[in-house]
Amino acid sequence: MKITAVGLFLWVIMTSSLVPMMCSSLYGNETDRLSLLQFKKAISLDPQQALISWNDSNHFCSWEGVSCRMKNPRRVISLNLTNRGLVGQISPSLGNLTFLRYLSLPTNSFTGDIPLSLGHLHHLKTLNLSKNTLHGNIPDFKNCSNLKVIGLGDNQLSGQFNNNFPAGLQMLVLAANEITGTIPSSLANITSLQVLSIRNNSIKGNIPHEFSGFPNLQILHAGANKLAGGFPEAIMNLSTLTGLSLAFNNLSGEIPSNLFDFLPQIQLFALDSNLFRGHIPNSLGNASKLQQVDISSNNFTGVIPGTIGKLTELYRLNLEKNQLHARNKQDWEFMSSLANCTGLTLFSVSDNCLEGHVPSSLGNLSVQLQLLLLGGNQLSGGFPPGFQYLCNLISISIDSNNFSGVLPEWLGSLQNLQLIGLYNNYFTGIIPSSLSNLSQLGYLYLHSNQFYGHLPPSLGNHRMLQELTIGYNNIQGMIPTEIFTIPTIMLIDLSLNKLDGSLPIEVGNAKQLAQLSLSSNKLTGDIPSTLGNCESLEKIMLDQNIFSGSIPTSLGNILSLKVLNLSQNNLSGSIPPSLGNL
């Protein structure tokens, strides 16, 4: 077919006019490309080479972390460079990405201020700049009418807590910054808000009364601030709340007795480290969805309510460091009721005023229990019965009580134990050889009791042991060489016993040892020069023994040494000049 001149002319005109249209369609918006390049220019360090693809040989929509819409012209709708190790500042040029919906730059090392231009991104839905080192004030985001999620936690942002946020916001995370002032009551106008996390700042005042109007608030985390006053009354109206944390503040007074009748959805309830007083409300048992309760480090008194056993989904219960008491069988009824909490993994009632014998119903607690802390009370009797049935325990802490008698052999059958804390009691007898079966044991605290006999060489079987304290007992005999072959051992305290013989030369094998305390024993002979091989030692306490000979010059090789006490021995000779280098 012949092409006429007119036809050719028209074809040229048509194709010429299509060039800019095709460029726009194929290559997208030039403003977006230049804005991204300006962002790259502000990056001073890119250790993972995350931006290596950001060059003209690739279309910007294919650059790492960049996503564009499929519709022409191609426009950037998402920039995600999470955890890339980027160092630099966030360029204001990102404010020119006018179609941007998702901006996610968390877990990097961005510094400087948050660009004010981000407050003009009308299409933006999610902004996540958490876990950087950004500082300065939070920009005004009220014009970002589509913004649903703001994550600015774990930075160094400062200034007053102002309500610079859009009306449709659903999640606001400002945790772990340096924000001051009070919580603005106008936040309650953001009725769509579901999550508010402002923990770890320097915010004063209390939760505003206006917060009672939130129809959808599910999570309120305001711990580790400077909040003061009584329990916030607004909480009583937040029936949708699933997580409440007001820990580490200066809140005081009593908790409303019917509080939990108004929180049917609550799963996390944390008021630890405040100044609350009074009784634990009996209504606690009515919050049937509770999974975690932490009211430790307050001034709560009275007994632990038996209704707590109605919380069948409970897996973490921390009541430690209060003034709760149990003086008779009725007071201890909570222990029987806790058997209904079949998923319980942590239960701490340490540092309270519990008295008498621990009831045998302890053995009916959940087999899922891993941490059981009863220390710092006034408990008495023999080693509490029932522990042998809690086969998943990783920690037993019954220290600082009035327990007595011998340790049961079955203690060595709890194969998952990593910590045994029995110190400051009146236990007697020998240290059970069955403890050598505990292959995962990392911490063995038996000091300040009345144990006697010899140290079992089988202690060396604990190949994961880090801290061993058996001081302030009546242990006699020689120090077994085996304990110095434990590759992980960091602390050995055998002071104030009746140990005799020499300090084994094998002590030099304990390369990780940071503290060696053998004070007030009857150890004799020379201080082995191999002690200088313990290059991690910071504290050596060999005072009040019968060591003789000279001070090893090798001790001068321990550059980490901070405390050296060799007093009240029979040492002779001069002080090694090498010690002057420490």
Protein backbone atom coordinates (compact mmCIF):
# COMPACT_ATOMS: atom_id res chain seq x y z
CA MET A 1 0.00 0.00 0.00
CA LYS A 2 1.29 3.44 -0.96
CA ILE A 3 1.72 6.09 1.68
CA THR A 4 0.79 9.52 0.41
CA ALA A 5 2.68 12.63 1.45
CA VAL A 6 -0.33 13.88 3.35
CA GLY A 7 -0.62 10.54 5.12
CA LEU A 8 3.09 10.58 5.99
CA PHE A 9 2.81 14.12 7.28
CA LEU A 10 -0.14 13.22 9.44
CA TRP A 11 1.70 10.15 10.74
CA VAL A 12 4.74 12.27 11.67
CA ILE A 13 2.56 14.82 13.38
CA MET A 14 0.70 12.12 15.30
CA THR A 15 3.81 10.23 16.39
CA SER A 16 5.57 13.46 17.32
CA SER A 17 2.70 14.47 19.51
CA LEU A 18 2.73 11.03 21.14
CA VAL A 19 6.37 11.28 22.26
CA PRO A 20 5.76 13.27 25.46
CA MET A 21 2.68 11.18 26.17
CA MET A 22 4.65 7.94 25.77
CA CYS A 23 7.51 9.27 27.90
CA SER A 24 5.08 10.21 30.59
CA SER A 25 3.41 6.81 30.42
CA LEU A 26 6.58 4.74 30.19
CA TYR A 27 8.81 6.63 32.54
CA GLY A 28 6.38 8.10 35.02
CA ASN A 29 6.54 11.46 36.68
CA GLU A 30 9.89 13.24 36.54
CA THR A 31 9.21 15.01 39.83
CA ASP A 32 9.00 11.65 41.62
CA ARG A 33 12.31 10.50 40.16
CA LEU A 34 14.13 13.70 41.11
CA SER A 35 12.59 13.65 44.58
CA LEU A 36 13.90 10.14 45.17
CA LEU A 37 17.36 11.11 43.93
CA GLN A 38 17.36 14.04 46.35
CA PHE A 39 16.45 11.60 49.12
CA LYS A 40 19.39 9.41 48.09
CA LYS A 41 21.71 12.40 48.05
CA ALA A 42 20.92 13.06 51.74
CA ILE A 43 22.08 9.53 52.69
CA SER A 44 25.67 9.63 53.95
CA LEU A 45 26.09 5.90 54.53
CA ASP A 46 24.42 2.92 52.86
CA PRO A 47 26.18 -0.15 54.32
CA GLN A 48 23.84 -2.69 52.70
CA GLN A 49 23.92 -0.88 49.33
CA ALA A 50 20.15 -0.70 49.48
CA LEU A 51 20.15 2.23 47.05
CA ILE A 52 22.59 0.77 44.53
CA SER A 53 19.75 0.29 42.04
CA TRP A 54 18.75 3.93 42.32
CA ASN A 55 20.24 5.16 39.06
CA ASP A 56 19.15 6.11 35.54
CA SER A 57 19.80 2.63 34.16
CA ASN A 58 16.69 1.45 36.00
CA HIS A 59 13.23 2.90 35.97
CA PHE A 60 12.62 4.46 39.38
CA CYS A 61 9.57 2.27 39.89
CA SER A 62 11.95 -0.72 39.97
CA TRP A 63 14.33 0.84 42.52
CA GLU A 64 14.65 -1.12 45.75
CA GLY A 65 11.99 -0.14 48.25
CA VAL A 66 9.97 1.84 45.71
CA SER A 67 6.50 0.84 44.55
CA CYS A 68 4.43 2.66 41.95
CA ARG A 69 0.81 2.49 40.95
CA MET A 70 0.05 0.50 37.79
CA LYS A 71 -2.03 3.26 36.28
CA ASN A 72 -0.31 5.68 33.91
CA PRO A 73 1.42 7.92 34.57
CA ARG A 74 3.37 5.77 37.02
CA ARG A 75 3.55 7.52 40.40
CA VAL A 76 5.33 6.47 43.60
CA ILE A 77 2.83 5.22 46.16
CA SER A 78 5.16 3.42 48.58
CA LEU A 79 8.70 3.84 49.89
CA ASN A 80 9.81 1.03 52.20
CA LEU A 81 13.45 0.91 53.36
CA THR A 82 13.00 -0.85 56.67
CA ASN A 83 16.15 -1.90 58.55
CA ARG A 84 18.65 -1.02 55.81
CA GLY A 85 21.22 0.61 58.12
CA LEU A 86 20.85 3.94 56.32
CA VAL A 87 22.60 6.95 57.84
CA GLY A 88 21.72 10.54 57.00
CA GLN A 89 18.78 12.88 57.07
CA ILE A 90 15.30 12.50 55.62
CA SER A 91 15.17 14.82 52.66
CA PRO A 92 12.26 17.30 52.47
CA SER A 93 12.00 16.25 48.81
CA LEU A 94 9.82 13.33 49.91
CA GLY A 95 7.10 15.93 50.32
CA ASN A 96 6.98 16.14 46.52
CA LEU A 97 5.83 12.51 46.22
CA THR A 98 2.27 13.70 46.15
CA PHE A 99 0.78 10.24 45.49
CA LEU A 100 2.69 8.58 48.33
CA ARG A 101 0.52 6.35 50.52
CA TYR A 102 3.06 4.41 52.56
CA LEU A 103 6.34 5.77 53.93
CA SER A 104 8.24 3.23 55.99
CA LEU A 105 11.81 3.98 57.11
CA PRO A 106 12.07 2.32 60.55
CA THR A 107 15.16 0.78 62.14
CA ASN A 108 17.75 2.94 60.43
CA SER A 109 20.00 5.75 61.66
CA PHE A 110 18.25 8.81 60.30
CA THR A 111 19.04 12.02 62.18
CA GLY A 112 17.79 15.57 62.10
CA ASP A 113 14.23 16.82 62.09
CA ILE A 114 11.22 15.20 60.47
CA PRO A 115 10.65 17.31 57.32
CA LEU A 116 7.66 19.63 57.61
CA SER A 117 6.86 18.81 53.98
CA LEU A 118 5.61 15.36 55.00
CA GLY A 119 2.62 17.13 56.50
CA HIS A 120 1.40 17.97 52.99
CA LEU A 121 1.12 14.40 51.70
CA HIS A 122 -2.65 14.23 51.33
CA HIS A 123 -2.69 10.61 50.12
CA LEU A 124 -0.45 9.31 52.89
CA LYS A 125 -2.00 6.45 54.89
CA THR A 126 0.93 5.05 56.88
CA LEU A 127 3.99 6.88 58.23
CA ASN A 128 6.57 4.75 60.05
CA LEU A 129 9.84 6.43 61.08
CA SER A 130 10.34 4.51 64.32
CA LYS A 131 13.69 3.33 65.69
CA ASN A 132 15.89 6.10 64.31
CA THR A 133 17.59 9.05 66.03
CA LEU A 134 15.30 11.79 64.78
CA HIS A 135 14.93 14.84 66.99
CA GLY A 136 13.07 18.12 67.12
CA ASN A 137 9.33 18.70 67.24
CA ILE A 138 6.67 16.56 65.62
CA PRO A 139 5.38 18.30 62.45
CA ASP A 140 1.73 19.17 61.89
CA PHE A 141 0.00 16.27 60.15
CA LYS A 142 -3.55 17.61 60.30
CA ASN A 143 -3.63 18.13 56.53
CA CYS A 144 -2.83 14.46 55.90
CA SER A 145 -6.51 13.63 55.81
CA ASN A 146 -6.01 9.98 54.81
CA LEU A 147 -3.37 9.21 57.44
CA LYS A 148 -4.34 6.19 59.56
CA VAL A 149 -1.05 5.11 61.16
CA ILE A 150 1.75 7.25 62.63
CA GLY A 151 4.76 5.42 64.08
CA LEU A 152 7.45 7.71 65.48
CA GLY A 153 8.55 5.61 68.46
CA ASP A 154 12.13 5.06 69.60
CA ASN A 155 13.59 8.37 68.47
CA GLN A 156 14.71 11.52 70.26
CA LEU A 157 11.73 13.71 69.44
CA SER A 158 11.04 16.48 71.92
CA GLY A 159 8.78 19.41 72.58
CA GLN A 160 5.29 19.68 74.00
CA PHE A 161 2.71 16.98 73.33
CA ASN A 162 0.45 18.81 70.90
CA ASN A 163 -2.48 17.50 68.90
CA ASN A 164 -1.09 17.88 65.40
CA PHE A 165 -2.83 14.82 64.05
CA PRO A 166 -5.63 14.22 61.52
CA ALA A 167 -9.18 13.43 62.57
CA GLY A 168 -9.21 9.97 60.95
CA LEU A 169 -6.09 8.61 62.68
CA GLN A 170 -6.35 5.06 64.00
CA MET A 171 -2.89 4.39 65.44
CA LEU A 172 -0.49 6.85 67.12
CA VAL A 173 2.83 5.54 68.46
CA LEU A 174 5.14 8.13 70.05
CA ALA A 175 6.78 5.78 72.57
CA ALA A 176 10.39 6.15 73.73
CA ASN A 177 11.04 9.79 72.89
CA GLU A 178 11.60 12.94 74.94
CA ILE A 179 8.15 14.48 74.66
CA THR A 180 7.03 16.73 77.51
CA GLY A 181 3.89 18.54 78.60
CA THR A 182 0.51 16.97 79.27
CA ILE A 183 -1.72 14.74 77.18
CA PRO A 184 -3.92 17.10 75.11
CA SER A 185 -7.58 16.53 75.86
CA SER A 186 -8.37 17.36 72.22
CA LEU A 187 -6.98 13.97 71.24
CA ALA A 188 -10.39 12.66 72.26
CA ASN A 189 -11.77 14.36 69.14
CA ILE A 190 -9.97 11.72 67.08
CA THR A 191 -12.80 9.28 67.66
CA SER A 192 -11.34 6.74 65.22
CA LEU A 193 -8.23 6.23 67.40
CA GLN A 194 -7.67 2.59 68.32
CA VAL A 195 -4.05 2.56 69.53
CA LEU A 196 -2.26 5.22 71.56
CA SER A 197 1.27 4.46 72.76
CA ILE A 198 3.13 7.28 74.51
CA ARG A 199 5.22 5.24 76.97
CA ASN A 200 8.77 6.21 77.92
CA ASN A 201 8.51 9.98 77.61
CA SER A 202 8.37 12.81 80.17
CA ILE A 203 4.65 13.50 80.03
CA LYS A 204 3.00 14.89 83.18
CA GLY A 205 -0.57 15.22 84.41
CA ASN A 206 -3.03 12.38 84.08
CA ILE A 207 -5.23 10.71 81.46
CA PRO A 208 -7.76 13.44 80.45
CA HIS A 209 -11.40 12.94 81.47
CA GLU A 210 -12.32 13.54 77.82
CA PHE A 211 -10.77 10.16 76.93
CA SER A 212 -13.95 8.55 78.24
CA GLY A 213 -15.49 9.49 74.88
CA PHE A 214 -13.24 7.22 72.80
CA PRO A 215 -15.62 4.71 71.20
CA ASN A 216 -12.95 2.42 69.69
CA LEU A 217 -9.78 2.74 71.78
CA GLN A 218 -8.24 -0.69 72.25
CA ILE A 219 -4.67 -0.06 73.43
CA LEU A 220 -3.51 2.67 75.79
CA HIS A 221 0.15 2.49 76.76
CA ALA A 222 1.29 5.46 78.84
CA GLY A 223 3.87 3.80 81.08
CA ALA A 224 7.24 5.25 82.11
CA ASN A 225 6.18 8.89 82.18
CA LYS A 226 5.57 11.35 85.01
CA LEU A 227 1.83 10.89 85.33
CA ALA A 228 0.38 11.63 88.77
CA GLY A 229 -2.94 11.68 90.57
CA GLY A 230 -5.49 8.94 91.13
CA PHE A 231 -6.58 6.12 88.90
CA PRO A 232 -7.94 7.76 85.70
CA GLU A 233 -11.73 7.76 85.83
CA ALA A 234 -11.95 7.85 82.04
CA ILE A 235 -10.76 4.22 81.92
CA MET A 236 -14.10 3.14 83.38
CA ASN A 237 -15.84 4.13 80.13
CA LEU A 238 -13.41 2.44 77.73
CA SER A 239 -15.23 -0.86 77.31
CA THR A 240 -13.32 -1.64 74.10
CA LEU A 241 -9.94 -1.53 75.84
CA THR A 242 -7.81 -4.67 75.40
CA GLY A 243 -4.47 -3.37 76.66
CA LEU A 244 -3.82 -0.84 79.45
CA SER A 245 -0.35 0.00 80.75
CA LEU A 246 0.22 2.87 83.16
CA ALA A 247 3.34 1.34 84.70
CA PHE A 248 6.30 3.33 86.05
CA ASN A 249 4.47 6.54 86.91
CA ASN A 250 3.50 8.31 90.12
CA LEU A 251 -0.18 7.38 90.16
CA SER A 252 -1.67 6.75 93.58
CA GLY A 253 -4.84 6.02 95.51
CA GLU A 254 -7.08 2.99 95.25
CA ILE A 255 -8.36 1.14 92.20
CA PRO A 256 -12.16 1.31 91.89
CA SER A 257 -13.59 -1.91 93.33
CA ASN A 258 -15.87 -2.45 90.30
CA LEU A 259 -13.28 -1.49 87.67
CA PHE A 260 -13.17 -4.84 85.91
CA ASP A 261 -16.93 -4.92 85.49
CA PHE A 262 -16.41 -2.16 82.90
CA LEU A 263 -13.47 -3.71 81.03
CA PRO A 264 -14.91 -6.87 79.46
CA GLN A 265 -12.31 -7.01 76.66
CA ILE A 266 -9.19 -6.29 78.72
CA GLN A 267 -6.27 -8.67 78.09
CA LEU A 268 -3.29 -6.71 79.43
CA PHE A 269 -3.50 -4.79 82.71
CA ALA A 270 -0.24 -3.25 83.95
CA LEU A 271 -0.01 -0.76 86.81
CA ASP A 272 3.40 -1.84 88.13
CA SER A 273 5.79 0.62 89.77
CA ASN A 274 3.29 3.22 90.96
CA LEU A 275 1.98 4.25 94.38
CA PHE A 276 -1.39 2.50 94.35
CA ARG A 277 -2.74 1.19 97.64
CA GLY A 278 -5.77 -0.65 98.98
CA HIS A 279 -7.03 -4.10 98.08
CA ILE A 280 -6.93 -5.90 94.75
CA PRO A 281 -10.54 -5.63 93.52
CA ASN A 282 -12.59 -8.81 93.66
CA SER A 283 -14.04 -7.75 90.31
CA LEU A 284 -10.72 -8.76 88.76
CA GLY A 285 -12.18 -12.23 88.20
CA ASN A 286 -14.92 -10.76 85.99
CA ALA A 287 -12.45 -9.70 83.31
CA SER A 288 -12.50 -13.17 81.80
CA LYS A 289 -10.22 -12.34 78.86
CA LEU A 290 -7.27 -11.19 80.98
CA GLN A 291 -3.98 -12.74 79.93
CA GLN A 292 -1.40 -10.57 81.69
CA VAL A 293 -1.70 -8.82 85.06
CA ASP A 294 1.20 -6.85 86.53
CA ILE A 295 0.52 -4.70 89.60
CA SER A 296 3.95 -5.23 91.16
CA SER A 297 5.89 -2.57 93.06
CA ASN A 298 2.94 -0.75 94.62
CA ASN A 299 1.46 -0.64 98.11
CA PHE A 300 -1.43 -3.05 97.72
CA THR A 301 -2.56 -4.72 100.94
CA GLY A 302 -4.98 -7.44 101.96
CA VAL A 303 -5.22 -10.91 100.50
CA ILE A 304 -5.02 -12.13 96.93
CA PRO A 305 -8.66 -12.59 95.85
CA GLY A 306 -9.76 -16.14 95.16
CA THR A 307 -11.72 -14.88 92.16
CA ILE A 308 -8.41 -14.72 90.31
CA GLY A 309 -8.94 -18.38 89.43
CA LYS A 310 -11.74 -17.36 87.09
CA LEU A 311 -9.15 -15.92 84.70
CA THR A 312 -8.73 -19.08 82.66
CA GLU A 313 -6.72 -17.32 79.92
CA LEU A 314 -4.20 -15.84 82.36
CA TYR A 315 -0.56 -16.69 81.62
CA ARG A 316 1.37 -13.96 83.46
CA LEU A 317 0.60 -12.80 87.01
CA ASN A 318 3.03 -10.49 88.78
CA LEU A 319 2.07 -9.33 92.28
CA GLU A 320 5.57 -8.91 93.71
CA LYS A 321 6.77 -6.03 95.90
CA ASN A 322 3.52 -5.15 97.63
CA GLN A 323 2.19 -5.74 101.14
CA LEU A 324 -0.16 -8.60 100.39
CA HIS A 325 -0.57 -11.13 103.20
CA ALA A 326 -1.62 -14.74 103.78
CA ARG A 327 -1.78 -15.81 107.40
CA ASN A 328 -4.23 -18.70 107.46
CA LYS A 329 -5.80 -21.39 105.29
CA GLN A 330 -8.53 -19.05 104.04
CA ASP A 331 -5.98 -16.43 102.95
CA TRP A 332 -4.18 -19.10 100.91
CA GLU A 333 -7.30 -20.09 98.93
CA PHE A 334 -6.04 -18.17 95.93
CA MET A 335 -3.40 -20.88 95.42
CA SER A 336 -6.09 -23.53 94.89
CA SER A 337 -8.07 -21.28 92.54
CA LEU A 338 -5.00 -20.57 90.39
CA ALA A 339 -5.07 -24.21 89.33
CA ASN A 340 -7.85 -23.15 86.93
CA CYS A 341 -5.36 -20.94 85.08
CA THR A 342 -4.03 -23.82 83.02
CA GLY A 343 -1.86 -21.63 80.77
CA LEU A 344 -0.03 -19.83 83.60
CA THR A 345 3.69 -19.48 82.81
CA LEU A 346 4.76 -16.80 85.33
CA PHE A 347 3.58 -16.29 88.89
CA SER A 348 5.42 -13.95 91.24
CA VAL A 349 4.31 -13.01 94.72
CA SER A 350 7.80 -12.32 96.02
CA ASP A 351 8.55 -9.50 98.47
CA ASN A 352 5.17 -9.45 100.19
CA CYS A 353 3.99 -10.50 103.65
CA LEU A 354 3.00 -14.13 103.09
CA GLU A 355 3.45 -16.29 106.20
CA GLY A 356 3.52 -19.92 107.26
CA HIS A 357 3.73 -23.05 105.17
CA VAL A 358 3.13 -23.02 101.43
CA PRO A 359 0.04 -25.18 100.79
CA SER A 360 0.45 -28.43 98.87
CA SER A 361 -2.00 -27.06 96.27
CA LEU A 362 1.09 -25.39 94.81
CA GLY A 363 1.58 -28.68 92.98
CA ASN A 364 -1.75 -28.21 91.18
CA LEU A 365 -0.58 -25.10 89.36
CA SER A 366 -0.25 -25.21 85.59
CA VAL A 367 2.33 -27.62 84.21
CA GLN A 368 3.15 -24.76 81.81
CA LEU A 369 4.56 -22.73 84.71
CA GLN A 370 8.14 -21.62 84.04
CA LEU A 371 8.80 -18.89 86.60
CA LEU A 372 7.64 -19.25 90.22
CA LEU A 373 8.89 -16.53 92.56
CA LEU A 374 8.07 -16.71 96.29
CA GLY A 375 11.16 -15.00 97.70
CA GLY A 376 11.22 -12.18 100.25
CA ASN A 377 8.28 -13.27 102.41
CA GLN A 378 7.97 -14.88 105.85
CA LEU A 379 7.36 -18.42 104.65
CA SER A 380 8.51 -21.33 106.77
CA GLY A 381 8.60 -25.11 106.94
CA GLY A 382 10.52 -27.51 104.74
CA PHE A 383 11.16 -27.18 101.06
CA PRO A 384 7.65 -26.44 99.69
CA PRO A 385 5.83 -29.54 98.50
CA GLY A 386 4.42 -29.66 95.01
CA PHE A 387 7.40 -28.26 93.12
CA GLN A 388 8.20 -31.72 91.78
CA TYR A 389 5.00 -31.68 89.69
CA LEU A 390 5.90 -28.44 87.91
CA CYS A 391 8.08 -30.10 85.31
CA ASN A 392 8.56 -27.05 83.04
CA LEU A 393 9.97 -24.72 85.68
CA ILE A 394 13.05 -22.81 84.56
CA SER A 395 13.32 -20.73 87.74
CA ILE A 396 12.69 -21.47 91.42
CA SER A 397 13.13 -18.49 93.72
CA ILE A 398 12.18 -19.02 97.37
CA ASP A 399 15.02 -16.94 98.79
CA SER A 400 14.89 -14.68 101.85
CA ASN A 401 12.33 -16.65 103.85
CA ASN A 402 12.47 -18.94 106.91
CA PHE A 403 12.57 -22.30 105.15
CA SER A 404 14.53 -25.05 106.86
CA GLY A 405 15.37 -28.74 106.54
CA VAL A 406 17.24 -30.57 103.80
CA LEU A 407 16.87 -30.17 100.08
CA PRO A 408 14.90 -32.99 98.41
CA GLU A 409 16.71 -35.26 95.97
CA TRP A 410 13.87 -34.82 93.46
CA LEU A 411 15.01 -31.23 92.92
CA GLY A 412 17.43 -32.68 90.39
CA SER A 413 14.54 -34.11 88.37
CA LEU A 414 13.35 -30.69 87.16
CA GLN A 415 15.36 -30.93 83.98
CA ASN A 416 14.50 -27.46 82.64
CA LEU A 417 15.77 -25.48 85.61
CA GLN A 418 18.08 -22.61 84.73
CA LEU A 419 17.98 -20.76 88.07
CA ILE A 420 17.72 -21.96 91.67
CA GLY A 421 17.51 -19.21 94.29
CA LEU A 422 17.43 -20.57 97.87
CA TYR A 423 19.65 -18.02 99.63
CA ASN A 424 18.91 -16.34 102.95
CA ASN A 425 17.06 -19.27 104.54
CA TYR A 426 17.86 -21.97 107.11
CA PHE A 427 18.33 -24.96 104.85
CA THR A 428 20.70 -27.55 106.18
CA GLY A 429 22.21 -30.88 105.18
CA ILE A 430 24.45 -31.60 102.21
CA ILE A 431 24.03 -30.24 98.71
CA PRO A 432 22.14 -32.99 96.83
CA SER A 433 24.21 -34.83 94.25
CA SER A 434 21.10 -34.99 92.06
CA LEU A 435 21.60 -31.32 91.17
CA SER A 436 24.29 -32.51 88.76
CA ASN A 437 21.46 -33.74 86.52
CA LEU A 438 20.40 -30.15 85.77
CA SER A 439 22.29 -29.68 82.52
CA GLN A 440 20.73 -26.28 81.76
CA LEU A 441 21.40 -24.71 85.15
CA GLY A 442 22.96 -21.27 84.79
CA TYR A 443 22.55 -19.77 88.28
CA LEU A 444 22.82 -21.59 91.62
CA TYR A 445 22.36 -19.35 94.67
CA LEU A 446 22.67 -21.26 97.97
CA HIS A 447 24.46 -18.67 100.10
CA SER A 448 23.42 -17.69 103.63
CA ASN A 449 22.06 -21.03 104.78
CA GLN A 450 23.36 -23.82 107.02
CA PHE A 451 24.58 -26.33 104.47
CA TYR A 452 27.47 -28.56 105.55
CA GLY A 453 29.57 -31.33 104.09
CA HIS A 454 31.81 -31.10 101.06
CA LEU A 455 31.33 -29.36 97.75
CA PRO A 456 30.39 -32.12 95.32
CA PRO A 457 32.83 -32.46 92.39
CA SER A 458 29.72 -33.07 90.28
CA LEU A 459 29.18 -29.29 90.30
CA GLY A 460 31.53 -29.37 87.34
CA ASN A 461 28.83 -31.16 85.36
CA HIS A 462 26.93 -27.89 85.05
CA ARG A 463 28.49 -26.89 81.76
CA MET A 464 26.23 -23.83 81.40
CA LEU A 465 26.66 -22.52 84.95
CA GLN A 466 27.48 -18.81 85.11
CA GLU A 467 27.07 -17.90 88.79
CA LEU A 468 27.71 -20.14 91.82
CA THR A 469 27.23 -18.70 95.32
CA ILE A 470 27.51 -20.99 98.36
CA GLY A 471 29.02 -18.47 100.76
CA TYR A 472 27.93 -18.06 104.41
CA ASN A 473 27.44 -21.79 105.08
CA ASN A 474 29.35 -24.53 106.91
CA ILE A 475 30.93 -26.21 103.89
CA GLN A 476 34.26 -27.87 104.57
CA GLY A 477 36.93 -29.75 102.69
CA MET A 478 38.77 -28.78 99.53
CA ILE A 479 37.59 -26.77 96.57
CA PRO A 480 36.88 -29.23 93.74
CA THR A 481 38.98 -28.51 90.69
CA GLU A 482 36.01 -29.37 88.48
CA ILE A 483 34.25 -26.04 89.04
CA PHE A 484 37.08 -24.22 87.30
CA THR A 485 36.59 -26.26 84.14
CA ILE A 486 33.06 -24.94 83.58
CA PRO A 487 33.51 -22.88 80.38
CA THR A 488 30.76 -20.35 81.21
CA ILE A 489 31.50 -19.67 84.88
CA MET A 490 31.64 -15.94 85.66
CA LEU A 491 31.11 -15.72 89.42
CA ILE A 492 32.21 -18.03 92.23
CA ASP A 493 31.48 -17.06 95.85
CA LEU A 494 32.49 -19.63 98.48
CA SER A 495 33.35 -17.12 101.19
CA LEU A 496 32.65 -17.57 104.93
CA ASN A 497 32.81 -21.36 105.00
CA LYS A 498 35.33 -23.84 106.45
CA LEU A 499 37.14 -24.74 103.25
CA ASP A 500 40.74 -25.88 103.59
CA GLY A 501 43.54 -27.04 101.36
CA SER A 502 44.99 -25.04 98.52
CA LEU A 503 43.44 -23.05 95.72
CA PRO A 504 43.70 -25.45 92.75
CA ILE A 505 46.03 -24.44 89.94
CA GLU A 506 43.11 -25.30 87.61
CA VAL A 507 41.63 -21.91 88.54
CA GLY A 508 43.54 -20.58 85.54
CA ASN A 509 41.16 -22.45 83.23
CA ALA A 510 38.24 -20.18 84.17
CA LYS A 511 38.77 -17.69 81.36
CA GLN A 512 35.33 -16.06 81.78
CA LEU A 513 35.56 -15.67 85.56
CA ALA A 514 34.84 -12.07 86.62
CA GLN A 515 34.56 -12.51 90.41
CA LEU A 516 36.27 -14.97 92.75
CA SER A 517 35.34 -14.65 96.43
CA LEU A 518 36.97 -17.10 98.85
CA SER A 519 37.20 -14.82 101.89
CA SER A 520 37.08 -16.14 105.47
CA ASN A 521 38.00 -19.77 104.94
CA LYS A 522 41.05 -21.85 105.93
CA LEU A 523 42.77 -22.03 102.58
CA THR A 524 46.53 -22.59 102.69
CA GLY A 525 49.54 -22.77 100.42
CA ASP A 526 50.64 -20.44 97.67
CA ILE A 527 48.31 -18.37 95.57
CA PRO A 528 48.73 -20.13 92.22
CA SER A 529 50.36 -18.10 89.49
CA THR A 530 47.79 -19.54 87.07
CA LEU A 531 45.27 -17.14 88.60
CA GLY A 532 46.86 -14.55 86.31
CA ASN A 533 45.45 -16.47 83.35
CA CYS A 534 41.91 -15.45 84.35
CA GLU A 535 41.94 -12.46 82.05
CA SER A 536 38.32 -11.46 82.75
CA LEU A 537 38.65 -11.12 86.51
CA GLU A 538 37.44 -7.84 88.00
CA LYS A 539 37.27 -8.82 91.66
CA ILE A 540 39.49 -11.18 93.70
CA MET A 541 38.67 -11.68 97.38
CA LEU A 542 41.13 -14.04 99.11
CA ASP A 543 41.31 -12.23 102.46
CA GLN A 544 41.13 -13.89 105.90
CA ASN A 545 42.71 -17.20 104.90
CA ILE A 546 46.10 -18.79 105.58
CA PHE A 547 47.74 -18.26 102.20
CA SER A 548 51.52 -18.08 102.32
CA GLY A 549 54.37 -17.31 99.96
CA SER A 550 54.58 -14.29 97.69
CA ILE A 551 51.99 -12.45 95.64
CA PRO A 552 52.16 -13.81 92.08
CA THR A 553 53.50 -11.28 89.61
CA SER A 554 51.07 -12.76 87.06
CA LEU A 555 48.22 -10.91 88.74
CA GLY A 556 49.53 -7.82 86.98
CA ASN A 557 48.41 -9.41 83.69
CA ILE A 558 44.75 -9.12 84.64
CA LEU A 559 44.05 -5.74 83.06
CA SER A 560 40.35 -5.84 83.97
CA LEU A 561 41.05 -6.20 87.71
CA LYS A 562 39.35 -3.56 89.88
CA VAL A 563 39.33 -5.07 93.40
CA LEU A 564 42.11 -7.21 94.92
CA ASN A 565 41.90 -8.13 98.62
CA LEU A 566 44.67 -10.36 99.98
CA SER A 567 44.62 -9.00 103.54
CA GLN A 568 44.89 -11.08 106.71
CA ASN A 569 46.92 -13.94 105.27
CA ASN A 570 50.53 -15.07 105.80
CA LEU A 571 51.91 -13.65 102.59
CA SER A 572 55.51 -12.48 102.43
CA GLY A 573 57.87 -10.72 100.08
CA SER A 574 57.37 -7.50 98.17
CA ILE A 575 54.37 -6.25 96.27
CA PRO A 576 54.94 -7.03 92.57
CA PRO A 577 55.60 -3.88 90.53
CA SER A 578 53.31 -5.33 87.85
CA LEU A 579 50.32 -4.54 90.07
CA GLY A 580 51.11 -0.88 89.60
CA ASN A 581 50.10 -1.19 85.97
CA LEU A 582 46.49 -1.96 86.85
